[in-house]
Amino acid sequence: MNEKNLMDIIKSALLLEYKGKALYESVHQASASAEVKELFSMLAEEEKQHVSLLKQQYVKLLKGEDIDVPELEQSHPRTAENVLSRKIIERVSGAGYEAAVISAALDFEKKAVNYYSERASGASVDEEKKLFQWLADWEKTHLEILGKIDNELRERIWFDNSFWPLD
């Protein structure tokens, strides 16, 4: 991949991360639940870390240097099991703002996973492949967390509204 294309890819990746960060910060600010605030604060902070990493790589490219990401192994995303609690899921209202954002965030995270996965598979340099695969894998954890909440909300709404088939 030539340097210009890679710079454009990183700029697009930065936009993805900024949008995710802004989305998660909006829920953090709007939610009345401390547990929901904490979840979305964590998601926003992780997007902020991704922005920082991408900016570092962009600066390297501007200086004519190669991408270098040896620190990736030092940071690992949290899993849904480590993040989600019954309290968080109970605090998200199925018809409320948080639920609407979760639905939008799922689509957003799917796009990010696809974008990073495609970039990783198209990378010709190992460090580029490593960077984009690491980002794809991390965004998959966000997808998993949000997906579990969304599934729980759907089940709750179906149960509360008797949407189950009749026997």
Foldseek 3Di string as FASTA:
>chain_A
DDLVVVLVLLVVLLVLLVVLLVLLVVCLVPAPDPLSVVLSVVSNVVSVVLNVLSVVQSVCSVVVHHRDDPCLVVDDADALVRRDDPVNLVRDALPDPVVVSLVVVLVSLVVLLVSLCVQLVPDPDPNSVVSSNSSNVNSVRVNNNSVVSNVSSVVVVCVVVVVDDDD
